[in-house]
Amino acid sequence: MREKIVVFSNPGAIPGNAFEEAIGQLVDLDMEKVHKDLAEAQAEQQG
């Protein structure tokens, strides 16, 4: 979860190398784009 948005969900354990890769991708995530994409998707669902 980042800025109150779920950006990764994986039940159970994941191998250490996959965990490190996921953390790296989360750090590099462009949250401005995530917010924009989320708003667009919500607008499409509503109308």
N, C-alpha and C. Protein backbone atom coordinates (compact mmCIF):
# COMPACT_ATOMS: atom_id res chain seq x y z
N MET A 1 0.85 -1.16 0.00
CA MET A 1 0.00 0.00 0.00
C MET A 1 0.90 1.23 0.00
N ARG A 2 0.53 2.14 -0.85
CA ARG A 2 1.29 3.38 -0.94
C ARG A 2 0.31 4.50 -1.19
N GLU A 3 0.38 5.52 -0.39
CA GLU A 3 -0.55 6.65 -0.48
C GLU A 3 -2.00 6.17 -0.47
N LYS A 4 -2.28 5.20 0.39
CA LYS A 4 -3.62 4.62 0.59
C LYS A 4 -4.17 3.92 -0.64
N ILE A 5 -3.29 3.47 -1.53
CA ILE A 5 -3.69 2.71 -2.72
C ILE A 5 -2.95 1.38 -2.69
N VAL A 6 -3.68 0.29 -2.86
CA VAL A 6 -3.04 -1.03 -2.91
C VAL A 6 -2.33 -1.14 -4.25
N VAL A 7 -1.02 -1.29 -4.21
CA VAL A 7 -0.24 -1.37 -5.46
C VAL A 7 0.39 -2.74 -5.65
N PHE A 8 0.28 -3.61 -4.62
CA PHE A 8 0.81 -4.96 -4.73
C PHE A 8 0.05 -5.85 -3.78
N SER A 9 -0.34 -7.00 -4.26
CA SER A 9 -1.04 -7.96 -3.41
C SER A 9 -0.63 -9.36 -3.83
N ASN A 10 -0.09 -10.11 -2.90
CA ASN A 10 0.33 -11.47 -3.18
C ASN A 10 0.19 -12.27 -1.89
N PRO A 11 -0.82 -13.14 -1.81
CA PRO A 11 -0.98 -13.92 -0.59
C PRO A 11 0.17 -14.90 -0.39
N GLY A 12 0.57 -15.08 0.84
CA GLY A 12 1.62 -16.04 1.14
C GLY A 12 3.01 -15.47 0.98
N ALA A 13 3.98 -16.33 1.15
CA ALA A 13 5.38 -15.93 1.09
C ALA A 13 5.87 -15.89 -0.36
N ILE A 14 6.80 -14.98 -0.62
CA ILE A 14 7.46 -14.95 -1.92
C ILE A 14 8.96 -15.06 -1.68
N PRO A 15 9.69 -15.61 -2.63
CA PRO A 15 11.14 -15.74 -2.47
C PRO A 15 11.80 -14.38 -2.27
N GLY A 16 12.91 -14.38 -1.55
CA GLY A 16 13.62 -13.14 -1.23
C GLY A 16 13.95 -12.28 -2.43
N ASN A 17 14.42 -12.90 -3.51
CA ASN A 17 14.79 -12.12 -4.69
C ASN A 17 13.57 -11.47 -5.32
N ALA A 18 12.43 -12.15 -5.33
CA ALA A 18 11.21 -11.57 -5.87
C ALA A 18 10.73 -10.42 -4.97
N PHE A 19 10.90 -10.59 -3.68
CA PHE A 19 10.52 -9.54 -2.73
C PHE A 19 11.36 -8.29 -2.96
N GLU A 20 12.67 -8.47 -3.10
CA GLU A 20 13.56 -7.33 -3.35
C GLU A 20 13.20 -6.63 -4.66
N GLU A 21 12.87 -7.40 -5.69
CA GLU A 21 12.49 -6.82 -6.98
C GLU A 21 11.19 -6.03 -6.84
N ALA A 22 10.22 -6.58 -6.12
CA ALA A 22 8.95 -5.89 -5.91
C ALA A 22 9.16 -4.58 -5.16
N ILE A 23 9.99 -4.60 -4.14
CA ILE A 23 10.27 -3.38 -3.37
C ILE A 23 10.90 -2.32 -4.29
N GLY A 24 11.83 -2.74 -5.12
CA GLY A 24 12.46 -1.80 -6.06
C GLY A 24 11.45 -1.18 -7.00
N GLN A 25 10.52 -1.99 -7.51
CA GLN A 25 9.51 -1.47 -8.41
C GLN A 25 8.55 -0.52 -7.68
N LEU A 26 8.23 -0.83 -6.44
CA LEU A 26 7.35 0.04 -5.67
C LEU A 26 8.00 1.39 -5.38
N VAL A 27 9.28 1.37 -5.11
CA VAL A 27 10.00 2.62 -4.85
C VAL A 27 10.01 3.50 -6.10
N ASP A 28 10.16 2.87 -7.27
CA ASP A 28 10.24 3.61 -8.53
C ASP A 28 8.88 3.98 -9.11
N LEU A 29 7.80 3.53 -8.48
CA LEU A 29 6.46 3.74 -9.01
C LEU A 29 6.11 5.23 -9.07
N ASP A 30 5.58 5.65 -10.20
CA ASP A 30 5.14 7.04 -10.41
C ASP A 30 3.72 7.17 -9.86
N MET A 31 3.60 7.62 -8.61
CA MET A 31 2.30 7.68 -7.95
C MET A 31 1.37 8.71 -8.59
N GLU A 32 1.92 9.73 -9.20
CA GLU A 32 1.08 10.71 -9.90
C GLU A 32 0.34 10.02 -11.05
N LYS A 33 1.05 9.17 -11.79
CA LYS A 33 0.43 8.42 -12.88
C LYS A 33 -0.58 7.41 -12.34
N VAL A 34 -0.26 6.77 -11.22
CA VAL A 34 -1.19 5.81 -10.61
C VAL A 34 -2.50 6.52 -10.24
N HIS A 35 -2.40 7.68 -9.60
CA HIS A 35 -3.59 8.43 -9.23
C HIS A 35 -4.41 8.82 -10.48
N LYS A 36 -3.71 9.26 -11.53
CA LYS A 36 -4.39 9.65 -12.77
C LYS A 36 -5.10 8.45 -13.40
N ASP A 37 -4.39 7.32 -13.50
CA ASP A 37 -4.97 6.12 -14.09
C ASP A 37 -6.17 5.61 -13.28
N LEU A 38 -6.05 5.68 -11.96
CA LEU A 38 -7.14 5.25 -11.09
C LEU A 38 -8.36 6.14 -11.28
N ALA A 39 -8.16 7.43 -11.34
CA ALA A 39 -9.27 8.37 -11.54
C ALA A 39 -9.94 8.11 -12.88
N GLU A 40 -9.18 7.85 -13.91
CA GLU A 40 -9.75 7.57 -15.23
C GLU A 40 -10.56 6.29 -15.21
N ALA A 41 -10.04 5.26 -14.56
CA ALA A 41 -10.75 3.98 -14.47
C ALA A 41 -12.05 4.12 -13.70
N GLN A 42 -12.03 4.89 -12.63
CA GLN A 42 -13.24 5.12 -11.84
C GLN A 42 -14.26 5.92 -12.65
N ALA A 43 -13.82 6.89 -13.42
CA ALA A 43 -14.73 7.68 -14.25
C ALA A 43 -15.39 6.81 -15.32
N GLU A 44 -14.63 5.89 -15.90
CA GLU A 44 -15.17 4.98 -16.91
C GLU A 44 -16.23 4.08 -16.30
N GLN A 45 -16.00 3.60 -15.09
CA GLN A 45 -16.96 2.70 -14.43
C GLN A 45 -18.26 3.43 -14.10
N GLN A 46 -18.15 4.72 -13.81
CA GLN A 46 -19.33 5.48 -13.40
C GLN A 46 -20.17 5.94 -14.59
N GLY A 47 -19.57 6.03 -15.74
CA GLY A 47 -20.37 6.60 -16.79
C GLY A 47 -20.06 6.17 -18.13
